[in-house]
C-alpha atoms as a PDB file:
ATOM      1  CA  MET A   1      74.029 108.496  97.464  1.00  0.00           C
ATOM      2  CA  PHE A   2      76.980 109.104  99.789  1.00  0.00           C
ATOM      3  CA  GLU A   3      75.906 111.186 102.759  1.00  0.00           C
ATOM      4  CA  GLY A   4      78.715 113.114 104.373  1.00  0.00           C
ATOM      5  CA  GLY A   5      80.955 112.951 101.309  1.00  0.00           C
ATOM      6  CA  LEU A   6      83.406 110.355 100.053  1.00  0.00           C
ATOM      7  CA  ALA A   7      86.299 108.781 101.940  1.00  0.00           C
ATOM      8  CA  GLU A   8      89.623 107.911 100.318  1.00  0.00           C
ATOM      9  CA  LEU A   9      92.259 106.255 102.488  1.00  0.00           C
ATOM     10  CA  HIS A  10      94.779 104.908  99.969  1.00  0.00           C
ATOM     11  CA  THR A  11      96.282 107.488  97.686  1.00  0.00           C
ATOM     12  CA  HIS A  12      99.956 108.298  97.118  1.00  0.00           C
ATOM     13  CA  LEU A  13     101.079 111.907  97.007  1.00  0.00           C
ATOM     14  CA  GLY A  14     103.131 111.098  93.907  1.00  0.00           C
ATOM     15  CA  GLY A  15      99.974 109.986  92.105  1.00  0.00           C
ATOM     16  CA  SER A  16      97.537 112.584  93.432  1.00  0.00           C
ATOM     17  CA  VAL A  17      98.760 115.847  91.914  1.00  0.00           C
ATOM     18  CA  ALA A  18      97.501 117.107  88.555  1.00  0.00           C
ATOM     19  CA  SER A  19      99.990 117.052  85.684  1.00  0.00           C
ATOM     20  CA  ASP A  20      99.789 120.825  85.141  1.00  0.00           C
ATOM     21  CA  ILE A  21     100.851 121.453  88.749  1.00  0.00           C
ATOM     22  CA  LEU A  22     103.749 118.989  88.421  1.00  0.00           C
ATOM     23  CA  TRP A  23     104.749 120.624  85.118  1.00  0.00           C
ATOM     24  CA  ASN A  24     104.848 124.028  86.775  1.00  0.00           C
ATOM     25  CA  LEU A  25     106.806 122.714  89.777  1.00  0.00           C
ATOM     26  CA  ALA A  26     109.361 121.020  87.518  1.00  0.00           C
ATOM     27  CA  HIS A  27     110.004 124.261  85.638  1.00  0.00           C
ATOM     28  CA  GLU A  28     110.096 126.394  88.784  1.00  0.00           C
ATOM     29  CA  GLN A  29     112.828 124.156  90.199  1.00  0.00           C
ATOM     30  CA  GLY A  30     114.796 123.851  86.964  1.00  0.00           C
ATOM     31  CA  ILE A  31     114.448 120.067  86.786  1.00  0.00           C
ATOM     32  CA  ALA A  32     115.785 118.618  83.537  1.00  0.00           C
ATOM     33  CA  LEU A  33     112.961 116.689  81.922  1.00  0.00           C
ATOM     34  CA  PRO A  34     113.281 114.203  79.044  1.00  0.00           C
ATOM     35  CA  VAL A  35     110.420 115.924  77.191  1.00  0.00           C
ATOM     36  CA  LYS A  36     109.670 119.524  76.206  1.00  0.00           C
ATOM     37  CA  ASP A  37     105.957 119.329  75.393  1.00  0.00           C
ATOM     38  CA  PHE A  38     103.329 119.347  78.141  1.00  0.00           C
ATOM     39  CA  TRP A  39     101.310 116.493  76.657  1.00  0.00           C
ATOM     40  CA  GLU A  40     104.410 114.331  76.421  1.00  0.00           C
ATOM     41  CA  PHE A  41     105.067 115.195  80.058  1.00  0.00           C
ATOM     42  CA  ASP A  42     101.492 114.254  80.967  1.00  0.00           C
ATOM     43  CA  ALA A  43     102.106 110.815  79.438  1.00  0.00           C
ATOM     44  CA  LEU A  44     105.375 110.567  81.390  1.00  0.00           C
ATOM     45  CA  VAL A  45     103.788 111.076  84.828  1.00  0.00           C
ATOM     46  CA  THR A  46     100.568 109.100  84.350  1.00  0.00           C
ATOM     47  CA  VAL A  47      99.526 105.630  83.266  1.00  0.00           C
ATOM     48  CA  SER A  48      98.621 107.032  79.865  1.00  0.00           C
ATOM     49  CA  ASP A  49      98.137 103.723  78.046  1.00  0.00           C
ATOM     50  CA  PRO A  50      94.609 102.432  78.765  1.00  0.00           C
ATOM     51  CA  ARG A  51      96.081  98.924  78.625  1.00  0.00           C
ATOM     52  CA  GLY A  52      98.080  99.801  81.720  1.00  0.00           C
ATOM     53  CA  VAL A  53     101.687  99.029  82.599  1.00  0.00           C
ATOM     54  CA  LYS A  54     103.567  95.736  82.443  1.00  0.00           C
ATOM     55  CA  GLY A  55     103.812  95.562  86.220  1.00  0.00           C
ATOM     56  CA  LEU A  56     104.818  97.385  89.379  1.00  0.00           C
ATOM     57  CA  ASP A  57     108.383  97.935  88.119  1.00  0.00           C
ATOM     58  CA  GLU A  58     107.081 100.025  85.240  1.00  0.00           C
ATOM     59  CA  LEU A  59     104.836 101.925  87.637  1.00  0.00           C
ATOM     60  CA  ASP A  60     107.880 102.686  89.813  1.00  0.00           C
ATOM     61  CA  GLN A  61     109.467 104.357  86.774  1.00  0.00           C
ATOM     62  CA  ILE A  62     106.526 106.774  86.632  1.00  0.00           C
ATOM     63  CA  TYR A  63     106.831 107.441  90.363  1.00  0.00           C
ATOM     64  CA  HIS A  64     110.505 108.251  89.818  1.00  0.00           C
ATOM     65  CA  TRP A  65     109.489 111.417  88.000  1.00  0.00           C
ATOM     66  CA  THR A  66     106.715 112.550  90.329  1.00  0.00           C
ATOM     67  CA  GLU A  67     108.898 111.967  93.393  1.00  0.00           C
ATOM     68  CA  LEU A  68     111.810 113.831  91.813  1.00  0.00           C
ATOM     69  CA  ILE A  69     109.584 116.811  91.012  1.00  0.00           C
ATOM     70  CA  GLN A  70     108.229 116.782  94.568  1.00  0.00           C
ATOM     71  CA  SER A  71     111.740 116.724  96.069  1.00  0.00           C
ATOM     72  CA  SER A  72     111.763 120.144  97.719  1.00  0.00           C
ATOM     73  CA  PRO A  73     109.842 121.750 100.579  1.00  0.00           C
ATOM     74  CA  ILE A  74     107.878 124.098  98.319  1.00  0.00           C
ATOM     75  CA  ALA A  75     106.979 121.277  95.927  1.00  0.00           C
ATOM     76  CA  VAL A  76     105.786 119.029  98.747  1.00  0.00           C
ATOM     77  CA  GLU A  77     103.751 121.833 100.304  1.00  0.00           C
ATOM     78  CA  ARG A  78     102.026 122.721  97.051  1.00  0.00           C
ATOM     79  CA  SER A  79     101.454 119.053  96.216  1.00  0.00           C
ATOM     80  CA  VAL A  80      99.700 118.295  99.503  1.00  0.00           C
ATOM     81  CA  HIS A  81      97.631 121.455  99.278  1.00  0.00           C
ATOM     82  CA  GLY A  82      96.676 120.747  95.665  1.00  0.00           C
ATOM     83  CA  ALA A  83      95.799 117.110  96.292  1.00  0.00           C
ATOM     84  CA  ILE A  84      93.447 117.901  99.190  1.00  0.00           C
ATOM     85  CA  GLY A  85      91.740 120.793  97.440  1.00  0.00           C
ATOM     86  CA  GLY A  86      91.414 118.871  94.194  1.00  0.00           C
ATOM     87  CA  ALA A  87      89.896 115.859  95.946  1.00  0.00           C
ATOM     88  CA  TYR A  88      87.214 117.980  97.582  1.00  0.00           C
ATOM     89  CA  ARG A  89      86.410 120.140  94.566  1.00  0.00           C
ATOM     90  CA  SER A  90      86.237 117.345  91.997  1.00  0.00           C
ATOM     91  CA  GLN A  91      84.910 114.418  94.055  1.00  0.00           C
ATOM     92  CA  GLY A  92      83.427 115.775  97.269  1.00  0.00           C
ATOM     93  CA  ILE A  93      85.973 113.796  99.313  1.00  0.00           C
ATOM     94  CA  THR A  94      85.677 114.784 102.971  1.00  0.00           C
ATOM     95  CA  THR A  95      87.967 112.150 104.498  1.00  0.00           C
ATOM     96  CA  LEU A  96      91.374 111.892 102.842  1.00  0.00           C
ATOM     97  CA  GLU A  97      94.686 110.371 103.824  1.00  0.00           C
ATOM     98  CA  LEU A  98      97.739 111.049 101.662  1.00  0.00           C
ATOM     99  CA  ARG A  99     100.813 108.844 101.953  1.00  0.00           C
ATOM    100  CA  PHE A 100     104.378 109.526 100.888  1.00  0.00           C
ATOM    101  CA  ASN A 101     107.968 108.607 101.673  1.00  0.00           C
ATOM    102  CA  PRO A 102     109.804 111.759 102.809  1.00  0.00           C
ATOM    103  CA  MET A 103     113.222 110.191 102.122  1.00  0.00           C
ATOM    104  CA  LYS A 104     112.296 109.859  98.455  1.00  0.00           C
ATOM    105  CA  ARG A 105     111.827 113.636  98.411  1.00  0.00           C
ATOM    106  CA  ASN A 106     115.011 114.861 100.106  1.00  0.00           C
ATOM    107  CA  ARG A 107     117.357 114.098  97.182  1.00  0.00           C
ATOM    108  CA  GLY A 108     119.422 111.493  98.990  1.00  0.00           C
ATOM    109  CA  GLY A 109     119.900 113.611 102.109  1.00  0.00           C
ATOM    110  CA  GLU A 110     120.543 116.888 100.315  1.00  0.00           C
ATOM    111  CA  ARG A 111     117.306 118.268 101.799  1.00  0.00           C
ATOM    112  CA  ASP A 112     116.597 118.184 105.529  1.00  0.00           C
ATOM    113  CA  LEU A 113     113.995 115.520 106.285  1.00  0.00           C
ATOM    114  CA  ASP A 114     112.152 117.600 108.893  1.00  0.00           C
ATOM    115  CA  HIS A 115     111.833 120.448 106.400  1.00  0.00           C
ATOM    116  CA  ILE A 116     110.216 118.096 103.906  1.00  0.00           C
ATOM    117  CA  ILE A 117     107.753 116.773 106.493  1.00  0.00           C
ATOM    118  CA  LEU A 118     106.957 120.249 107.824  1.00  0.00           C
ATOM    119  CA  ALA A 119     106.342 121.421 104.269  1.00  0.00           C
ATOM    120  CA  ALA A 120     103.734 118.668 103.890  1.00  0.00           C
ATOM    121  CA  ILE A 121     102.175 119.780 107.169  1.00  0.00           C
ATOM    122  CA  ARG A 122     102.034 123.392 105.961  1.00  0.00           C
ATOM    123  CA  GLY A 123     100.196 122.202 102.859  1.00  0.00           C
ATOM    124  CA  LEU A 124      97.829 120.289 105.108  1.00  0.00           C
ATOM    125  CA  ASP A 125      97.255 123.314 107.333  1.00  0.00           C
ATOM    126  CA  THR A 126      96.568 125.637 104.420  1.00  0.00           C
ATOM    127  CA  ALA A 127      94.152 123.167 102.846  1.00  0.00           C
ATOM    128  CA  SER A 128      92.404 122.769 106.211  1.00  0.00           C
ATOM    129  CA  LEU A 129      91.789 126.515 106.314  1.00  0.00           C
ATOM    130  CA  GLU A 130      90.441 126.597 102.758  1.00  0.00           C
ATOM    131  CA  TYR A 131      88.485 123.330 102.943  1.00  0.00           C
ATOM    132  CA  PRO A 132      87.342 122.894 106.570  1.00  0.00           C
ATOM    133  CA  GLN A 133      84.871 120.220 105.397  1.00  0.00           C
ATOM    134  CA  VAL A 134      87.784 117.838 104.788  1.00  0.00           C
ATOM    135  CA  ARG A 135      89.330 115.700 107.520  1.00  0.00           C
ATOM    136  CA  ALA A 136      92.789 115.061 106.101  1.00  0.00           C
ATOM    137  CA  GLY A 137      95.903 113.362 107.404  1.00  0.00           C
ATOM    138  CA  LEU A 138      99.363 112.302 106.251  1.00  0.00           C
ATOM    139  CA  ILE A 139     100.869 108.807 106.347  1.00  0.00           C
ATOM    140  CA  LEU A 140     104.659 108.463 106.245  1.00  0.00           C
ATOM    141  CA  MET A 141     105.928 105.480 104.286  1.00  0.00           C
ATOM    142  CA  MET A 142     108.904 103.237 104.842  1.00  0.00           C
ATOM    143  CA  ASP A 143     110.382 101.294 101.924  1.00  0.00           C
ATOM    144  CA  ARG A 144     111.208  97.600 101.566  1.00  0.00           C
ATOM    145  CA  THR A 145     114.425  98.453  99.711  1.00  0.00           C
ATOM    146  CA  PHE A 146     115.711 100.655 102.562  1.00  0.00           C
ATOM    147  CA  GLU A 147     118.129  99.446 105.189  1.00  0.00           C
ATOM    148  CA  ARG A 148     116.617  99.052 108.639  1.00  0.00           C
ATOM    149  CA  ARG A 149     117.961 102.314 110.099  1.00  0.00           C
ATOM    150  CA  LEU A 150     116.402 104.444 107.370  1.00  0.00           C
ATOM    151  CA  ASN A 151     112.985 102.952 108.067  1.00  0.00           C
ATOM    152  CA  GLU A 152     113.501 103.518 111.790  1.00  0.00           C
ATOM    153  CA  ILE A 153     114.176 107.192 111.121  1.00  0.00           C
ATOM    154  CA  ILE A 154     110.948 107.528 109.125  1.00  0.00           C
ATOM    155  CA  VAL A 155     108.946 106.056 112.014  1.00  0.00           C
ATOM    156  CA  GLU A 156     110.755 108.320 114.487  1.00  0.00           C
ATOM    157  CA  LYS A 157     109.810 111.337 112.379  1.00  0.00           C
ATOM    158  CA  ALA A 158     106.209 110.174 112.161  1.00  0.00           C
ATOM    159  CA  ILE A 159     106.062 109.937 115.944  1.00  0.00           C
ATOM    160  CA  ARG A 160     107.709 113.338 116.353  1.00  0.00           C
ATOM    161  CA  TRP A 161     105.165 115.079 114.147  1.00  0.00           C
ATOM    162  CA  ALA A 162     102.095 113.040 115.144  1.00  0.00           C
ATOM    163  CA  SER A 163     100.533 116.065 116.818  1.00  0.00           C
ATOM    164  CA  ARG A 164     100.699 118.041 113.584  1.00  0.00           C
ATOM    165  CA  GLY A 165      98.763 115.836 111.195  1.00  0.00           C
ATOM    166  CA  ILE A 166     100.911 112.724 110.690  1.00  0.00           C
ATOM    167  CA  VAL A 167      98.328 110.024 111.372  1.00  0.00           C
ATOM    168  CA  GLY A 168      99.972 106.736 110.392  1.00  0.00           C
ATOM    169  CA  VAL A 169     102.867 104.753 108.949  1.00  0.00           C
ATOM    170  CA  ASP A 170     103.094 102.360 106.022  1.00  0.00           C
ATOM    171  CA  ILE A 171     105.689 100.406 104.052  1.00  0.00           C
ATOM    172  CA  ALA A 172     105.778  99.788 100.305  1.00  0.00           C
ATOM    173  CA  GLY A 173     108.293  99.336  97.506  1.00  0.00           C
ATOM    174  CA  PRO A 174     109.609  96.266  95.694  1.00  0.00           C
ATOM    175  CA  ARG A 175     111.004  93.289  97.555  1.00  0.00           C
ATOM    176  CA  PRO A 176     114.804  93.454  97.746  1.00  0.00           C
ATOM    177  CA  GLY A 177     115.059  89.773  96.712  1.00  0.00           C
ATOM    178  CA  PRO A 178     113.054  86.947  95.139  1.00  0.00           C
ATOM    179  CA  GLY A 179     111.738  85.610  98.448  1.00  0.00           C
ATOM    180  CA  PRO A 180     109.246  87.094 100.880  1.00  0.00           C
ATOM    181  CA  TYR A 181     110.119  90.304 102.698  1.00  0.00           C
ATOM    182  CA  GLU A 182     111.021  89.823 106.374  1.00  0.00           C
ATOM    183  CA  TYR A 183     108.307  91.864 108.063  1.00  0.00           C
ATOM    184  CA  ALA A 184     109.471  90.662 111.482  1.00  0.00           C
ATOM    185  CA  GLN A 185     112.227  93.288 111.412  1.00  0.00           C
ATOM    186  CA  LEU A 186     109.546  95.994 111.461  1.00  0.00           C
ATOM    187  CA  GLU A 187     107.899  94.798 114.689  1.00  0.00           C
ATOM    188  CA  PRO A 188     109.740  97.162 117.088  1.00  0.00           C
ATOM    189  CA  MET A 189     109.154 100.150 114.800  1.00  0.00           C
ATOM    190  CA  ILE A 190     105.490  99.343 114.328  1.00  0.00           C
ATOM    191  CA  GLU A 191     104.957  98.887 118.068  1.00  0.00           C
ATOM    192  CA  SER A 192     106.591 102.261 118.758  1.00  0.00           C
ATOM    193  CA  ALA A 193     104.305 103.894 116.209  1.00  0.00           C
ATOM    194  CA  ARG A 194     101.252 102.175 117.669  1.00  0.00           C
ATOM    195  CA  GLU A 195     102.160 103.239 121.215  1.00  0.00           C
ATOM    196  CA  ALA A 196     102.435 106.827 119.958  1.00  0.00           C
ATOM    197  CA  GLY A 197      98.857 106.637 118.675  1.00  0.00           C
ATOM    198  CA  LEU A 198      99.672 106.303 114.972  1.00  0.00           C
ATOM    199  CA  GLY A 199      97.651 104.085 112.677  1.00  0.00           C
ATOM    200  CA  ILE A 200      99.273 101.132 110.928  1.00  0.00           C
ATOM    201  CA  THR A 201      98.660 100.219 107.297  1.00  0.00           C
ATOM    202  CA  ILE A 202     100.901  97.882 105.300  1.00  0.00           C
ATOM    203  CA  HIS A 203     101.222  97.450 101.535  1.00  0.00           C
ATOM    204  CA  VAL A 204     100.998  93.693 101.041  1.00  0.00           C
ATOM    205  CA  GLY A 205      99.217  91.052  98.987  1.00  0.00           C
ATOM    206  CA  GLU A 206      98.954  93.028  95.773  1.00  0.00           C
ATOM    207  CA  GLU A 207     101.060  90.653  93.686  1.00  0.00           C
ATOM    208  CA  GLY A 208     103.495  87.779  94.032  1.00  0.00           C
ATOM    209  CA  GLY A 209     101.238  84.712  94.124  1.00  0.00           C
ATOM    210  CA  ASP A 210     102.051  82.313  96.972  1.00  0.00           C
ATOM    211  CA  VAL A 211     104.830  84.597  98.246  1.00  0.00           C
ATOM    212  CA  GLY A 212     102.386  87.484  98.428  1.00  0.00           C
ATOM    213  CA  ARG A 213      99.836  85.366 100.279  1.00  0.00           C
ATOM    214  CA  SER A 214     102.428  84.206 102.806  1.00  0.00           C
ATOM    215  CA  GLU A 215     103.387  87.841 103.398  1.00  0.00           C
ATOM    216  CA  ILE A 216      99.779  88.706 104.232  1.00  0.00           C
ATOM    217  CA  GLY A 217      99.802  86.005 106.896  1.00  0.00           C
ATOM    218  CA  GLU A 218     103.044  87.259 108.422  1.00  0.00           C
ATOM    219  CA  VAL A 219     101.873  90.871 108.398  1.00  0.00           C
ATOM    220  CA  VAL A 220      98.597  90.029 110.113  1.00  0.00           C
ATOM    221  CA  GLU A 221     100.271  87.819 112.716  1.00  0.00           C
ATOM    222  CA  ARG A 222     103.302  89.958 113.531  1.00  0.00           C
ATOM    223  CA  LEU A 223     102.343  93.555 112.773  1.00  0.00           C
ATOM    224  CA  ARG A 224      98.581  93.475 113.452  1.00  0.00           C
ATOM    225  CA  PRO A 225      97.773  96.463 111.208  1.00  0.00           C
ATOM    226  CA  GLU A 226      94.423  98.189 111.325  1.00  0.00           C
ATOM    227  CA  ARG A 227      94.466  98.320 107.543  1.00  0.00           C
ATOM    228  CA  ILE A 228      96.222  96.649 104.621  1.00  0.00           C
ATOM    229  CA  GLY A 229      96.956  98.337 101.301  1.00  0.00           C
ATOM    230  CA  HIS A 230      95.477  96.085  98.588  1.00  0.00           C
ATOM    231  CA  GLY A 231      95.555  92.578 100.149  1.00  0.00           C
ATOM    232  CA  ILE A 232      93.665  91.169  97.163  1.00  0.00           C
ATOM    233  CA  LEU A 233      95.595  87.877  97.224  1.00  0.00           C
ATOM    234  CA  ALA A 234      93.735  86.953 100.400  1.00  0.00           C
ATOM    235  CA  ALA A 235      90.552  86.391  98.364  1.00  0.00           C
ATOM    236  CA  GLY A 236      89.729  82.690  98.329  1.00  0.00           C
ATOM    237  CA  ASP A 237      92.182  81.768 101.095  1.00  0.00           C
ATOM    238  CA  GLU A 238      89.898  80.805 103.977  1.00  0.00           C
ATOM    239  CA  GLY A 239      92.674  80.986 106.569  1.00  0.00           C
ATOM    240  CA  LEU A 240      93.682  84.502 105.593  1.00  0.00           C
ATOM    241  CA  GLU A 241      90.069  85.614 105.290  1.00  0.00           C
ATOM    242  CA  ARG A 242      89.380  84.306 108.788  1.00  0.00           C
ATOM    243  CA  ALA A 243      92.418  86.077 110.221  1.00  0.00           C
ATOM    244  CA  LEU A 244      91.500  89.371 108.557  1.00  0.00           C
ATOM    245  CA  ARG A 245      87.904  89.065 109.712  1.00  0.00           C
ATOM    246  CA  GLU A 246      88.736  88.148 113.315  1.00  0.00           C
ATOM    247  CA  LEU A 247      91.249  90.974 113.723  1.00  0.00           C
ATOM    248  CA  GLY A 248      88.999  93.493 111.983  1.00  0.00           C
ATOM    249  CA  VAL A 249      91.626  94.433 109.382  1.00  0.00           C
ATOM    250  CA  VAL A 250      90.254  96.731 106.673  1.00  0.00           C
ATOM    251  CA  LEU A 251      91.584  96.226 103.142  1.00  0.00           C
ATOM    252  CA  GLU A 252      92.197  99.295 100.986  1.00  0.00           C
ATOM    253  CA  ILE A 253      91.183  98.024  97.547  1.00  0.00           C
ATOM    254  CA  CYS A 254      92.118 100.003  94.419  1.00  0.00           C
ATOM    255  CA  PRO A 255      90.279  98.382  91.461  1.00  0.00           C
ATOM    256  CA  THR A 256      91.501 100.471  88.521  1.00  0.00           C
ATOM    257  CA  SER A 257      95.066 100.430  89.804  1.00  0.00           C
ATOM    258  CA  ASN A 258      94.954  96.642  90.103  1.00  0.00           C
ATOM    259  CA  LEU A 259      93.726  96.399  86.519  1.00  0.00           C
ATOM    260  CA  LEU A 260      96.346  98.803  85.159  1.00  0.00           C
ATOM    261  CA  THR A 261      99.226  97.013  86.913  1.00  0.00           C
ATOM    262  CA  LYS A 262      97.877  93.557  85.943  1.00  0.00           C
ATOM    263  CA  ALA A 263      97.535  92.595  89.611  1.00  0.00           C
ATOM    264  CA  LEU A 264      94.033  91.545  88.503  1.00  0.00           C
ATOM    265  CA  PRO A 265      93.745  90.454  84.858  1.00  0.00           C
ATOM    266  CA  ASP A 266      90.279  91.726  84.017  1.00  0.00           C
ATOM    267  CA  GLU A 267      87.012  93.123  85.348  1.00  0.00           C
ATOM    268  CA  GLU A 268      85.657  89.647  86.037  1.00  0.00           C
ATOM    269  CA  ALA A 269      88.597  89.035  88.377  1.00  0.00           C
ATOM    270  CA  VAL A 270      87.822  92.329  90.119  1.00  0.00           C
ATOM    271  CA  ARG A 271      84.195  91.270  90.548  1.00  0.00           C
ATOM    272  CA  GLU A 272      85.140  87.826  91.864  1.00  0.00           C
ATOM    273  CA  THR A 273      87.671  89.275  94.310  1.00  0.00           C
ATOM    274  CA  ILE A 274      85.260  91.848  95.705  1.00  0.00           C
ATOM    275  CA  ARG A 275      82.371  89.369  95.944  1.00  0.00           C
ATOM    276  CA  ARG A 276      84.585  86.887  97.764  1.00  0.00           C
ATOM    277  CA  PHE A 277      85.422  89.490 100.396  1.00  0.00           C
ATOM    278  CA  VAL A 278      81.766  90.445 100.767  1.00  0.00           C
ATOM    279  CA  GLU A 279      80.706  86.834 101.181  1.00  0.00           C
ATOM    280  CA  SER A 280      83.500  85.988 103.624  1.00  0.00           C
ATOM    281  CA  GLY A 281      82.898  89.077 105.764  1.00  0.00           C
ATOM    282  CA  VAL A 282      86.288  90.701 105.129  1.00  0.00           C
ATOM    283  CA  ALA A 283      86.071  94.462 105.609  1.00  0.00           C
ATOM    284  CA  PHE A 284      87.296  96.742 102.826  1.00  0.00           C
ATOM    285  CA  THR A 285      87.098 100.250 101.518  1.00  0.00           C
ATOM    286  CA  ILE A 286      87.598 101.566  97.976  1.00  0.00           C
ATOM    287  CA  ALA A 287      90.384 103.892  96.803  1.00  0.00           C
ATOM    288  CA  THR A 288      92.247 105.010  93.676  1.00  0.00           C
ATOM    289  CA  ASP A 289      95.931 104.521  94.654  1.00  0.00           C
ATOM    290  CA  GLY A 290      96.569 107.868  92.961  1.00  0.00           C
ATOM    291  CA  PRO A 291      93.765 109.481  90.947  1.00  0.00           C
ATOM    292  CA  GLU A 292      95.868 111.666  88.673  1.00  0.00           C
ATOM    293  CA  MET A 293      98.470 109.032  87.852  1.00  0.00           C
ATOM    294  CA  MET A 294      95.830 106.338  87.299  1.00  0.00           C
ATOM    295  CA  ARG A 295      93.563 108.724  85.372  1.00  0.00           C
ATOM    296  CA  THR A 296      90.605 107.813  87.521  1.00  0.00           C
ATOM    297  CA  HIS A 297      88.657 109.266  90.426  1.00  0.00           C
ATOM    298  CA  LEU A 298      86.918 107.748  93.395  1.00  0.00           C
ATOM    299  CA  ARG A 299      83.464 108.115  91.836  1.00  0.00           C
ATOM    300  CA  ASP A 300      84.799 106.284  88.766  1.00  0.00           C
ATOM    301  CA  GLU A 301      85.825 103.402  91.042  1.00  0.00           C
ATOM    302  CA  PHE A 302      82.349 103.155  92.528  1.00  0.00           C
ATOM    303  CA  GLU A 303      80.767 103.312  89.084  1.00  0.00           C
ATOM    304  CA  LEU A 304      83.071 100.551  87.841  1.00  0.00           C
ATOM    305  CA  LEU A 305      82.196  98.252  90.739  1.00  0.00           C
ATOM    306  CA  PHE A 306      78.474  98.892  90.302  1.00  0.00           C
ATOM    307  CA  ARG A 307      78.638  98.353  86.523  1.00  0.00           C
ATOM    308  CA  ILE A 308      80.396  94.981  86.739  1.00  0.00           C
ATOM    309  CA  GLY A 309      78.137  93.730  89.540  1.00  0.00           C
ATOM    310  CA  ALA A 310      80.827  93.689  92.224  1.00  0.00           C
ATOM    311  CA  LEU A 311      78.815  95.833  94.643  1.00  0.00           C
ATOM    312  CA  ASP A 312      75.237  97.083  94.735  1.00  0.00           C
ATOM    313  CA  GLU A 313      74.248 100.563  95.914  1.00  0.00           C
ATOM    314  CA  ASN A 314      73.889  99.567  99.573  1.00  0.00           C
ATOM    315  CA  GLU A 315      77.252  97.796  99.540  1.00  0.00           C
ATOM    316  CA  LEU A 316      78.880 100.842  97.950  1.00  0.00           C
ATOM    317  CA  ARG A 317      77.472 103.059 100.690  1.00  0.00           C
ATOM    318  CA  GLU A 318      78.722 100.618 103.312  1.00  0.00           C
ATOM    319  CA  ALA A 319      82.226 100.566 101.801  1.00  0.00           C
ATOM    320  CA  ASN A 320      82.335 104.368 101.780  1.00  0.00           C
ATOM    321  CA  ALA A 321      81.040 104.625 105.353  1.00  0.00           C
ATOM    322  CA  ARG A 322      83.685 102.093 106.362  1.00  0.00           C
ATOM    323  CA  GLY A 323      86.291 104.414 104.854  1.00  0.00           C
ATOM    324  CA  HIS A 324      85.199 107.274 107.099  1.00  0.00           C
ATOM    325  CA  ALA A 325      85.161 104.985 110.141  1.00  0.00           C
ATOM    326  CA  ALA A 326      88.562 103.382 109.400  1.00  0.00           C
ATOM    327  CA  ALA A 327      90.415 106.660 108.909  1.00  0.00           C
ATOM    328  CA  PHE A 328      93.390 107.212 111.178  1.00  0.00           C
ATOM    329  CA  GLY A 329      92.985 110.970 111.130  1.00  0.00           C
ATOM    330  CA  ARG A 330      91.224 112.629 114.010  1.00  0.00           C
ATOM    331  CA  ARG A 331      92.139 116.019 112.672  1.00  0.00           C
ATOM    332  CA  THR A 332      89.166 118.354 113.024  1.00  0.00           C
ATOM    333  CA  ALA A 333      90.980 121.683 113.267  1.00  0.00           C
ATOM    334  CA  VAL A 334      94.206 123.273 112.140  1.00  0.00           C
ATOM    335  CA  SER A 335      97.117 122.792 114.545  1.00  0.00           C
ATOM    336  CA  VAL A 336      98.644 126.039 115.778  1.00  0.00           C
END
């Protein structure tokens, strides 16, 4: 059905590594875990309850453990390598972009940031040798809770290592206050990244009601990203739909993740959201957000959307083809 393999553009490194690999990494590094049994650990680092989590705050608690375990060069290298190989072997994914925040893996400055990033690049290089069918890239993430200078450093590092497989920048994390996040402060950083040839994707519009919708508008107007992570709150807002359509912004929609975090209440809401984007001409691609953490895979996402009548077979093929076309990575060979 999907010629040329599958494309996944929105998956977090902290949610893309199998529990057995994380378990091994935790023990290798002597990390004190709150559990002693592997299956209890598996529940700790995944959304193990089929009813999902209470919200993004609870999901952040799961990420706390995966990010802690990945907080060393060797752990980052093995995680990137394992995520790329696993995606190809289990799902036939041939276009993959992994995103992570390197500052959440250097133990508060204890580890050198360049060593963390280079470790991710080594994992990418090794996977490229073993799985030459896969075009893979890395996206470095800023965080909304970080002070401005820390986010500037992340963008500077992304620019520095752009020739080695860093293909884009992103920002995520909870809002530091009850009101909307001030995306205007990111404009100079985003422009520097764009001028360096990096792709721009922004986590926005996943939750927050009217505040979340207003943030989508500000992001589109001020930051002009090529892609938006989630963006589901734009569905039904004709002004936002028009802006997304006119600027050619591609939404990275993660159906199962949205259900598990209660961003969308049920499958009918997923269907209505997807159909609204189809009918309004808003471009989107489908992703998992983190297949291991969400206990799903990309083919499961396509099957879900087909089963609930959100997309037919042709529309699924189009969404997947759009994923290949919207990828930031132009990596076709290993850098040396």
